[in-house]
Protein backbone atom coordinates (compact mmCIF):
# COMPACT_ATOMS: atom_id res chain seq x y z
CA MET A 1 -0.12 4.33 -37.72
CA ASP A 2 -3.31 5.06 -39.63
CA ALA A 3 -3.96 8.67 -38.69
CA VAL A 4 -6.26 9.24 -41.69
CA ASN A 5 -8.38 6.11 -41.35
CA PRO A 6 -11.82 7.39 -42.47
CA ARG A 7 -13.59 5.18 -39.94
CA ARG A 8 -11.34 5.96 -37.01
CA TRP A 9 -14.06 7.65 -34.96
CA GLN A 10 -16.39 4.69 -35.41
CA ALA A 11 -13.47 2.50 -34.39
CA LEU A 12 -13.02 4.65 -31.27
CA ILE A 13 -16.58 3.80 -30.27
CA VAL A 14 -15.68 0.11 -30.34
CA LEU A 15 -12.51 0.70 -28.31
CA ALA A 16 -14.25 2.95 -25.77
CA ALA A 17 -17.01 0.37 -25.45
CA ALA A 18 -14.36 -2.24 -24.66
CA GLN A 19 -12.87 -0.01 -21.94
CA PHE A 20 -16.39 0.63 -20.64
CA MET A 21 -17.18 -3.09 -20.42
CA VAL A 22 -13.86 -4.13 -18.85
CA ILE A 23 -14.25 -1.58 -16.05
CA MET A 24 -17.97 -2.28 -15.66
CA ASP A 25 -17.07 -5.93 -15.04
CA THR A 26 -15.48 -4.92 -11.73
CA SER A 27 -18.53 -2.96 -10.51
CA ILE A 28 -21.61 -4.65 -11.95
CA ILE A 29 -21.35 -7.62 -9.58
CA GLY A 30 -21.29 -5.50 -6.40
CA VAL A 31 -25.03 -5.17 -5.91
CA ALA A 32 -25.59 -8.81 -6.94
CA LEU A 33 -23.22 -10.22 -4.30
CA PRO A 34 -25.80 -11.02 -1.58
CA ASP A 35 -28.02 -12.89 -4.06
CA MET A 36 -25.02 -14.81 -5.38
CA GLN A 37 -23.98 -15.63 -1.83
CA ARG A 38 -27.40 -17.08 -1.06
CA ASP A 39 -27.74 -19.09 -4.29
CA LEU A 40 -24.18 -20.37 -4.67
CA GLY A 41 -23.26 -21.07 -1.06
CA PHE A 42 -20.49 -18.53 -0.55
CA THR A 43 -19.47 -17.80 3.02
CA GLN A 44 -19.15 -14.19 4.10
CA GLY A 45 -15.37 -14.50 3.89
CA SER A 46 -15.19 -16.30 0.55
CA LEU A 47 -17.67 -13.97 -1.18
CA GLN A 48 -14.87 -11.54 -2.01
CA TRP A 49 -13.50 -14.07 -4.52
CA VAL A 50 -16.28 -13.12 -6.92
CA PHE A 51 -14.48 -9.78 -7.14
CA ASN A 52 -10.90 -10.86 -6.53
CA ALA A 53 -10.86 -13.72 -9.04
CA TYR A 54 -11.44 -11.17 -11.80
CA VAL A 55 -9.07 -8.57 -10.40
CA ILE A 56 -6.18 -10.99 -9.82
CA ALA A 57 -6.42 -12.46 -13.31
CA PHE A 58 -6.88 -9.02 -14.88
CA GLY A 59 -4.14 -7.26 -12.94
CA GLY A 60 -1.71 -10.17 -12.96
CA LEU A 61 -1.90 -10.65 -16.73
CA LEU A 62 -2.11 -7.06 -17.99
CA LEU A 63 1.61 -6.91 -18.79
CA LEU A 64 1.40 -10.23 -20.60
CA GLY A 65 -1.56 -8.92 -22.59
CA GLY A 66 0.50 -5.93 -23.72
CA ARG A 67 3.38 -8.17 -24.74
CA LEU A 68 1.10 -10.48 -26.71
CA SER A 69 -0.35 -7.46 -28.53
CA ASP A 70 3.14 -6.50 -29.66
CA LEU A 71 4.00 -10.01 -30.81
CA PHE A 72 0.80 -11.16 -32.48
CA GLY A 73 -0.93 -7.93 -33.44
CA ALA A 74 -3.33 -5.83 -31.38
CA ARG A 75 -6.45 -6.60 -33.41
CA LYS A 76 -5.93 -10.35 -33.12
CA VAL A 77 -5.34 -10.17 -29.37
CA PHE A 78 -8.32 -7.81 -28.94
CA THR A 79 -10.50 -10.36 -30.74
CA ILE A 80 -9.21 -13.30 -28.71
CA GLY A 81 -9.74 -11.31 -25.50
CA TRP A 82 -13.40 -10.80 -26.33
CA ILE A 83 -13.88 -14.48 -27.12
CA ILE A 84 -12.39 -15.38 -23.75
CA LEU A 85 -14.47 -12.74 -21.95
CA ILE A 86 -17.66 -14.11 -23.54
CA ALA A 87 -16.70 -17.67 -22.57
CA GLY A 88 -16.07 -16.57 -18.97
CA SER A 89 -19.43 -14.78 -18.90
CA VAL A 90 -21.20 -17.97 -20.01
CA VAL A 91 -19.50 -19.95 -17.24
CA ALA A 92 -20.22 -17.30 -14.59
CA ALA A 93 -23.88 -17.02 -15.61
CA ALA A 94 -24.44 -20.78 -15.62
CA ALA A 95 -22.54 -21.48 -12.39
CA GLY A 96 -24.32 -23.71 -9.92
CA GLY A 97 -21.67 -23.50 -7.22
CA ALA A 98 -19.12 -21.13 -5.73
CA TRP A 99 -16.00 -22.57 -7.37
CA VAL A 100 -17.52 -22.59 -10.84
CA GLU A 101 -18.46 -18.94 -10.35
CA ILE A 102 -14.92 -18.09 -9.29
CA LEU A 103 -13.58 -19.92 -12.37
CA GLY A 104 -15.88 -17.96 -14.65
CA ARG A 105 -14.79 -14.68 -13.10
CA ALA A 106 -11.11 -15.59 -13.51
CA VAL A 107 -11.69 -16.39 -17.19
CA GLN A 108 -13.41 -13.01 -17.58
CA GLY A 109 -10.33 -11.38 -16.03
CA ILE A 110 -8.03 -13.13 -18.51
CA GLY A 111 -10.14 -11.77 -21.36
CA GLY A 112 -10.03 -8.26 -19.90
CA ALA A 113 -6.25 -8.46 -19.54
CA LEU A 114 -5.99 -9.07 -23.29
CA ILE A 115 -8.60 -6.50 -24.32
CA ALA A 116 -7.35 -3.47 -22.36
CA PRO A 117 -3.74 -3.17 -23.63
CA ALA A 118 -4.74 -4.19 -27.17
CA ALA A 119 -7.39 -1.46 -27.24
CA MET A 120 -4.83 1.16 -26.19
CA THR A 121 -2.42 0.01 -28.92
CA LEU A 122 -5.17 0.22 -31.53
CA LEU A 123 -6.12 3.71 -30.37
CA MET A 124 -2.53 4.86 -30.81
CA MET A 125 -2.45 3.34 -34.30
CA LEU A 126 -5.61 5.21 -35.28
CA PHE A 127 -4.86 8.62 -33.78
CA GLY A 128 -1.15 8.75 -32.97
CA GLY A 129 -0.30 10.69 -36.13
CA ASN A 130 -2.41 13.69 -35.13
CA PRO A 131 -1.69 15.05 -31.62
CA ARG A 132 -4.87 17.14 -31.54
CA GLU A 133 -7.10 14.21 -32.49
CA LEU A 134 -5.17 11.95 -30.13
CA GLY A 135 -5.99 14.25 -27.21
CA ARG A 136 -9.70 14.17 -28.05
CA ALA A 137 -9.65 10.42 -28.53
CA MET A 138 -7.82 9.83 -25.24
CA ALA A 139 -10.32 12.03 -23.38
CA LEU A 140 -13.26 10.06 -24.77
CA TYR A 141 -11.54 6.73 -24.16
CA GLY A 142 -10.57 7.76 -20.63
CA ALA A 143 -14.13 8.89 -19.84
CA ALA A 144 -15.35 5.37 -20.66
CA ALA A 145 -13.71 4.03 -17.47
CA PRO A 146 -15.65 6.08 -14.88
CA ALA A 147 -18.74 5.75 -17.06
CA GLY A 148 -18.37 1.97 -16.91
CA GLY A 149 -17.99 2.05 -13.15
CA THR A 150 -21.07 4.24 -12.82
CA ALA A 151 -23.21 2.17 -15.19
CA GLY A 152 -22.09 -1.07 -13.57
CA VAL A 153 -23.34 -0.11 -10.12
CA PHE A 154 -26.74 1.06 -11.35
CA LEU A 155 -27.22 -1.55 -14.08
CA GLY A 156 -26.25 -4.32 -11.67
CA GLY A 157 -29.01 -3.18 -9.34
CA VAL A 158 -31.63 -3.00 -12.10
CA ILE A 159 -30.72 -6.41 -13.53
CA THR A 160 -30.53 -8.17 -10.17
CA GLN A 161 -33.80 -6.67 -8.96
CA TYR A 162 -35.92 -7.24 -12.05
CA LEU A 163 -34.25 -10.27 -13.66
CA SER A 164 -31.71 -12.27 -11.63
CA TRP A 165 -28.00 -12.16 -10.86
CA PRO A 166 -26.91 -14.44 -13.79
CA TRP A 167 -28.03 -11.65 -16.13
CA VAL A 168 -25.19 -9.41 -14.93
CA PHE A 169 -22.97 -11.83 -16.88
CA ILE A 170 -25.38 -12.68 -19.71
CA VAL A 171 -25.41 -9.02 -20.74
CA TYR A 172 -21.79 -9.38 -21.87
CA ILE A 173 -22.63 -12.03 -24.44
CA PRO A 174 -24.63 -9.97 -27.00
CA ILE A 175 -22.38 -6.94 -26.49
CA GLY A 176 -19.30 -9.09 -27.03
CA LEU A 177 -20.73 -10.68 -30.16
CA ALA A 178 -21.66 -7.25 -31.54
CA THR A 179 -18.14 -6.01 -30.86
CA LEU A 180 -16.58 -9.01 -32.59
CA SER A 181 -18.76 -8.44 -35.65
CA ALA A 182 -17.52 -4.84 -35.90
CA VAL A 183 -13.81 -5.66 -35.53
CA PRO A 184 -12.96 -6.66 -39.16
CA ALA A 185 -14.51 -3.54 -40.66
CA LEU A 186 -13.41 -0.92 -38.14
CA LEU A 187 -10.15 -1.92 -36.47
CA PRO A 188 -6.87 -1.86 -38.39
CA ALA A 189 -4.89 -5.04 -38.85
CA MET A 190 -1.42 -4.97 -37.37
CA ALA A 191 1.48 -7.24 -38.12
CA GLY A 192 3.20 -8.75 -35.12
CA LYS A 193 6.90 -8.75 -34.50
CA ARG A 194 9.38 -11.42 -33.63
CA GLY A 195 10.11 -12.11 -29.99
CA SER A 196 9.42 -14.39 -27.08
CA VAL A 197 6.69 -14.51 -24.45
CA ASP A 198 7.66 -14.53 -20.78
CA VAL A 199 5.05 -17.13 -19.85
CA PHE A 200 6.85 -18.29 -16.71
CA GLY A 201 7.14 -14.73 -15.44
CA ALA A 202 3.41 -14.17 -15.95
CA MET A 203 2.58 -17.43 -14.20
CA ALA A 204 4.86 -16.66 -11.25
CA VAL A 205 3.54 -13.16 -10.58
CA THR A 206 -0.13 -14.11 -10.97
CA ALA A 207 0.23 -17.22 -8.79
CA GLY A 208 2.15 -15.25 -6.16
CA ILE A 209 -0.57 -12.59 -5.92
CA ALA A 210 -3.35 -15.19 -5.81
CA LEU A 211 -1.61 -17.23 -3.12
CA ALA A 212 -1.03 -14.16 -0.95
CA VAL A 213 -4.71 -13.21 -1.17
CA PHE A 214 -5.76 -16.79 -0.43
CA ALA A 215 -3.57 -16.96 2.67
CA ILE A 216 -4.90 -13.65 3.98
CA VAL A 217 -8.52 -14.61 3.33
CA ARG A 218 -8.15 -17.84 5.32
CA ALA A 219 -6.16 -16.25 8.15
CA PRO A 220 -9.14 -15.54 10.47
CA GLU A 221 -10.16 -19.19 10.24
CA GLN A 222 -6.66 -20.75 10.29
CA GLY A 223 -5.02 -18.20 12.59
CA TRP A 224 -2.56 -15.49 11.61
CA GLY A 225 0.32 -17.38 13.19
CA SER A 226 -0.69 -20.80 11.89
CA ALA A 227 1.49 -22.91 9.63
CA ALA A 228 -1.11 -22.64 6.86
CA THR A 229 -1.13 -18.83 6.89
CA LEU A 230 2.61 -18.34 7.31
CA GLY A 231 3.37 -21.08 4.80
CA GLY A 232 1.02 -19.56 2.24
CA LEU A 233 2.52 -16.09 2.63
CA ALA A 234 6.04 -17.53 2.44
CA ALA A 235 5.18 -19.41 -0.75
CA ALA A 236 3.65 -16.24 -2.24
CA THR A 237 6.80 -14.29 -1.39
CA LEU A 238 8.93 -16.99 -2.99
CA LEU A 239 6.88 -16.90 -6.19
CA LEU A 240 7.19 -13.11 -6.41
CA ALA A 241 10.94 -13.41 -5.84
CA VAL A 242 11.09 -15.98 -8.64
CA PHE A 243 9.24 -13.51 -10.86
CA LEU A 244 11.86 -10.83 -10.17
CA LEU A 245 14.65 -13.32 -10.83
CA ILE A 246 13.08 -14.27 -14.15
CA GLN A 247 12.84 -10.60 -15.11
CA ARG A 248 16.57 -10.23 -14.47
CA THR A 249 17.61 -13.27 -16.49
CA VAL A 250 15.37 -13.64 -19.56
CA ARG A 251 16.23 -11.79 -22.76
CA GLN A 252 12.77 -10.29 -23.25
CA PRO A 253 11.21 -9.91 -19.79
CA LEU A 254 7.61 -9.07 -19.13
CA MET A 255 8.71 -6.16 -16.95
CA PRO A 256 12.29 -4.98 -17.52
CA LEU A 257 13.50 -4.00 -14.07
CA ALA A 258 15.34 -0.98 -15.45
CA ILE A 259 11.95 0.71 -15.80
CA TRP A 260 11.95 1.23 -12.03
CA ARG A 261 14.77 3.75 -12.44
CA THR A 262 12.20 6.06 -14.03
CA PRO A 263 11.83 9.11 -11.75
CA GLY A 264 8.67 8.99 -9.70
CA LEU A 265 7.50 5.59 -10.94
CA ALA A 266 7.96 3.69 -7.68
CA THR A 267 6.36 6.31 -5.43
CA ALA A 268 3.42 6.85 -7.78
CA ASN A 269 2.83 3.09 -7.94
CA LEU A 270 2.92 2.91 -4.15
CA ALA A 271 0.25 5.63 -4.02
CA MET A 272 -1.86 3.74 -6.58
CA ALA A 273 -1.58 0.48 -4.63
CA LEU A 274 -2.69 2.14 -1.39
CA LEU A 275 -5.47 4.00 -3.21
CA GLY A 276 -6.85 0.69 -4.49
CA ALA A 277 -6.36 -0.95 -1.08
CA ALA A 278 -8.49 1.77 0.55
CA TRP A 279 -11.11 2.44 -2.11
CA ILE A 280 -12.17 -1.08 -3.15
CA PRO A 281 -12.77 -2.41 0.41
CA MET A 282 -14.84 0.70 1.15
CA TRP A 283 -16.96 0.14 -1.98
CA TYR A 284 -17.30 -3.60 -1.31
CA PHE A 285 -18.40 -3.34 2.32
CA LEU A 286 -20.69 -0.40 1.63
CA ASN A 287 -22.56 -2.66 -0.82
CA LEU A 288 -22.93 -5.31 1.87
CA TYR A 289 -23.93 -2.81 4.56
CA LEU A 290 -26.73 -1.40 2.43
CA GLN A 291 -28.21 -4.82 1.69
CA GLN A 292 -27.34 -7.03 4.65
CA VAL A 293 -27.84 -4.44 7.40
CA LEU A 294 -30.14 -1.70 6.10
CA GLY A 295 -32.19 -4.24 4.14
CA TYR A 296 -32.02 -2.53 0.75
CA GLY A 297 -32.99 -4.56 -2.29
CA ALA A 298 -30.70 -4.80 -5.30
CA PHE A 299 -32.20 -1.85 -7.20
CA PRO A 300 -32.35 0.55 -4.21
CA SER A 301 -28.79 -0.42 -3.31
CA GLY A 302 -27.55 0.35 -6.82
CA ALA A 303 -29.45 3.63 -6.82
CA ALA A 304 -27.96 4.53 -3.42
CA LEU A 305 -24.44 4.14 -4.81
CA LEU A 306 -25.18 6.09 -7.98
CA PRO A 307 -24.50 9.58 -6.52
CA MET A 308 -21.02 8.44 -5.49
CA THR A 309 -20.16 7.00 -8.90
CA VAL A 310 -21.60 10.00 -10.77
CA ALA A 311 -19.46 12.28 -8.58
CA ILE A 312 -16.38 10.27 -9.54
CA MET A 313 -17.14 10.60 -13.23
CA LEU A 314 -17.77 14.36 -13.04
CA PHE A 315 -14.63 15.08 -10.99
CA MET A 316 -12.37 12.89 -13.13
CA ILE A 317 -13.55 14.45 -16.38
CA ALA A 318 -14.22 18.09 -15.50
CA ILE A 319 -12.39 19.09 -12.33
CA THR A 320 -9.32 17.00 -11.55
CA PRO A 321 -7.52 17.68 -14.88
CA ARG A 322 -7.83 21.44 -14.29
CA LEU A 323 -6.58 21.17 -10.72
CA LEU A 324 -3.71 19.00 -11.90
CA GLY A 325 -2.59 21.70 -14.33
CA ARG A 326 -2.67 24.36 -11.61
CA ALA A 327 -1.42 22.56 -8.50
CA GLY A 328 0.57 19.62 -9.84
CA ALA A 329 0.36 15.96 -8.90
CA LYS A 330 1.77 15.80 -5.37
CA PRO A 331 -0.85 17.99 -3.59
CA LEU A 332 -3.68 16.19 -5.37
CA ILE A 333 -2.39 12.69 -4.64
CA ALA A 334 -1.76 13.40 -0.95
CA GLY A 335 -4.83 15.57 -0.55
CA GLY A 336 -7.06 13.13 -2.42
CA LEU A 337 -5.95 10.21 -0.25
CA PHE A 338 -6.55 12.27 2.88
CA VAL A 339 -10.05 13.28 1.71
CA LEU A 340 -10.72 9.62 0.90
CA ALA A 341 -9.65 8.72 4.45
CA VAL A 342 -12.07 11.29 5.88
CA GLY A 343 -14.93 9.89 3.81
CA VAL A 344 -14.20 6.25 4.66
CA ALA A 345 -13.80 7.08 8.35
CA GLY A 346 -17.16 8.82 8.17
CA LEU A 347 -18.75 5.47 7.32
CA SER A 348 -17.24 3.66 10.30
CA PRO A 349 -19.83 4.86 12.90
CA ALA A 350 -22.56 3.21 10.80
CA ARG A 351 -25.35 1.74 12.93
CA ALA A 352 -27.60 -1.26 12.48
CA ASP A 353 -30.58 1.15 12.45
CA GLY A 354 -28.77 3.82 10.45
CA ALA A 355 -30.23 6.04 7.73
CA PHE A 356 -28.81 6.40 4.24
CA VAL A 357 -29.23 10.18 3.93
CA THR A 358 -27.37 10.99 7.14
CA GLY A 359 -25.16 7.96 7.70
CA VAL A 360 -24.01 7.00 4.21
CA LEU A 361 -24.57 9.65 1.54
CA PRO A 362 -22.35 12.51 2.87
CA ALA A 363 -19.41 10.25 3.73
CA SER A 364 -19.64 8.32 0.45
CA LEU A 365 -19.57 11.55 -1.57
CA ILE A 366 -16.53 12.78 0.36
CA ALA A 367 -14.79 9.47 -0.33
CA ALA A 368 -15.68 9.71 -4.02
CA VAL A 369 -14.16 13.20 -4.24
CA GLY A 370 -10.96 11.97 -2.61
CA MET A 371 -10.65 9.03 -4.98
CA SER A 372 -11.28 11.31 -7.98
CA LEU A 373 -8.61 13.79 -6.87
CA ALA A 374 -5.90 11.16 -6.39
CA TYR A 375 -6.41 8.64 -9.21
CA ILE A 376 -5.54 10.62 -12.36
CA PRO A 377 -2.58 12.52 -10.79
CA ALA A 378 -1.10 9.25 -9.52
CA MET A 379 -1.53 7.68 -12.95
CA MET A 380 0.05 10.67 -14.70
CA SER A 381 2.86 10.89 -12.15
CA ALA A 382 3.74 7.25 -12.78
CA MET A 383 4.00 7.84 -16.52
CA SER A 384 5.43 11.35 -16.68
CA GLY A 385 9.06 10.37 -16.19
CA ALA A 386 9.04 7.43 -18.59
CA ARG A 387 10.69 7.59 -22.01
CA PRO A 388 8.19 7.57 -24.90
CA GLN A 389 9.14 3.98 -25.77
CA ASP A 390 8.47 2.96 -22.16
CA SER A 391 5.14 4.75 -21.69
CA GLY A 392 3.08 1.68 -22.51
CA LEU A 393 5.03 -0.42 -20.01
CA ALA A 394 4.72 2.27 -17.33
CA SER A 395 0.97 2.45 -17.94
CA GLY A 396 0.66 -1.32 -17.67
CA ILE A 397 2.64 -1.40 -14.43
CA VAL A 398 0.57 1.29 -12.72
CA ASN A 399 -2.71 -0.36 -13.76
CA THR A 400 -1.40 -3.68 -12.47
CA THR A 401 -0.33 -2.07 -9.19
CA TYR A 402 -3.79 -0.61 -8.64
CA GLN A 403 -5.49 -3.95 -9.27
CA VAL A 404 -3.07 -5.84 -7.02
CA GLY A 405 -3.46 -3.26 -4.26
CA SER A 406 -7.23 -3.61 -4.58
CA ALA A 407 -7.10 -7.40 -4.23
CA LEU A 408 -4.73 -7.42 -1.27
CA GLY A 409 -6.55 -4.57 0.46
CA LEU A 410 -9.89 -6.32 0.11
CA ALA A 411 -8.41 -9.58 1.41
CA ILE A 412 -6.96 -7.87 4.49
CA MET A 413 -10.10 -5.86 5.26
CA THR A 414 -12.28 -8.94 4.81
CA ALA A 415 -10.10 -10.75 7.33
CA VAL A 416 -10.46 -7.80 9.72
CA ALA A 417 -14.22 -7.60 9.24
CA THR A 418 -14.67 -11.35 9.66
CA SER A 419 -12.69 -11.37 12.91
CA ARG A 420 -14.89 -8.56 14.27
CA GLY A 421 -18.26 -10.14 13.53
CA ALA A 422 -18.96 -9.72 9.80
CA ALA A 423 -19.46 -13.47 9.38
CA ALA A 424 -22.59 -13.38 11.53
CA LEU A 425 -25.24 -13.25 8.81
CA GLY A 426 -28.62 -12.35 10.22
CA ASP A 427 -27.18 -10.36 13.14
CA PRO A 428 -27.18 -6.68 12.04
CA SER A 429 -25.26 -5.51 15.12
CA LYS A 430 -22.35 -7.89 14.56
CA LEU A 431 -22.34 -7.27 10.83
CA THR A 432 -22.21 -3.53 11.42
CA ALA A 433 -19.33 -3.92 13.87
CA GLY A 434 -17.38 -5.97 11.35
CA PHE A 435 -18.06 -3.60 8.47
CA GLY A 436 -17.17 -0.60 10.67
CA SER A 437 -13.80 -2.20 11.44
CA ALA A 438 -13.17 -2.65 7.72
CA PHE A 439 -13.99 1.03 7.11
CA ILE A 440 -11.55 2.07 9.84
CA GLY A 441 -8.86 -0.14 8.32
CA ALA A 442 -9.45 1.23 4.83
CA GLY A 443 -9.29 4.77 6.18
CA ALA A 444 -5.98 4.01 7.88
CA VAL A 445 -4.60 2.73 4.58
CA ALA A 446 -5.64 5.98 2.88
CA VAL A 447 -3.97 8.05 5.63
CA LEU A 448 -0.79 6.01 5.17
CA GLY A 449 -0.93 6.67 1.44
CA ALA A 450 -1.35 10.41 1.99
CA ALA A 451 1.59 10.55 4.41
CA LEU A 452 3.90 8.54 2.16
CA SER A 453 2.95 10.66 -0.83
CA LEU A 454 3.91 13.82 1.04
CA LEU A 455 7.21 12.30 2.16
CA LEU A 456 8.33 10.42 -0.93
CA ILE A 457 7.04 12.16 -4.06
CA ARG A 458 9.71 14.51 -5.36
CA LYS A 459 9.88 17.16 -8.03
CA PRO A 460 11.32 15.77 -11.27
CA LYS A 461 14.72 16.99 -12.30
CA PRO A 462 14.59 19.15 -15.44
CA ALA A 463 16.52 17.94 -18.46
CA VAL A 464 18.48 21.21 -18.57
CA PRO A 465 18.95 22.46 -15.02
CA SER A 466 18.03 26.06 -14.54
CA SER A 467 16.39 28.05 -11.80
CA ASP A 468 13.62 29.21 -14.13
CA GLN A 469 12.76 25.67 -15.21
CA ALA A 470 12.95 24.34 -11.67
CA ALA A 471 10.54 27.03 -10.52
CA SER A 472 8.09 26.17 -13.27
CA VAL A 473 7.85 22.44 -12.52
CA ARG A 474 5.19 21.39 -10.04
CA VAL A 475 4.59 17.92 -8.71
């Protein structure tokens, strides 16, 4: 590790910018969705694939990205990830049809799945030798994520309103090229190590997730009990079972199953999956409600969501870490999910002639507070019991779980909304009824997450049992 690299803080800017851009890629398209739907011919049900194509590729391949960083060197994988992300941005910007757009978004997700774990490895190389500097670097790097989410919502609105939706992808091209030009001078080279790549495991898990989402998305049209839906879900289950079998049999698995014996890992990942399954559908349908029902343009819609995203950033950086130190993870995870449920449920009575200030703003801020309270404690809880050598794997798993939960939650809530009228473009009353059903469903998921967190999260066992130590540990 190069703890005394004289350019390490400049290098941190590059790494934080990468984190910023990868997270922004999930939020910048939200405000542009109605324009993309009109120009590219998406149906109301298939529109979610603009989001899910990225999330499935990103979440499904994160563990593979971490493995490739170990084998081939983090700087090389970081560089390749940016090249792929730029290529995907070109395809997404130039798309003339729905399937080309989905392809471009999936390629962007592959690039992000290489960039994110490589950036974390490089950060540890630069600052791991100095715990004090590492803490500062991690705080700045971590702040880039909510900042990216905030900037994406607002910037997407500005770009879509005053330029056009392809520019939400074009913006990645000059930033990516600037990042690539800075890599040789700022980021340390790292020799790879010998080993194998679990390609079949990565293919099985990613295909299984994608097939499950596809089957759920088509369920309202095909029927939940139809052969197409049940067959798709059965095939997805089979692929995920094959993935687990591969992990048990290969010498160097993508996800060694022994990691799940880590105390608290499974329950924290369950909380993260349900958090994503509640939060992302709420964010997605709120975007559509503002534009398709209330008639907001792209810029006003982005501005309307800005208070919510700013609240997330402020809570995650300034408030949640302090509460975590005082109360521990369990109350914040359960309480945050419950607050999120209250906020999402507050959006469900939305009316076709509703007002933003009274019908959207208070509930969206409550939801943002709930998300901010639960996210960091769940992440820390998932990693706290892992051995130091397993911390990277635990981090990759919990990030993957959140992304997968987001994709499946959005697929299910889209199916619910479509069945209740959300496919009726041009009919505000039916759209509102469909979106309201999705909000109720997302709120129910958050309540389930809160209840399971209260029931299942346990205090970790101290390494040396003693009454004093047991009393001092809070979860």
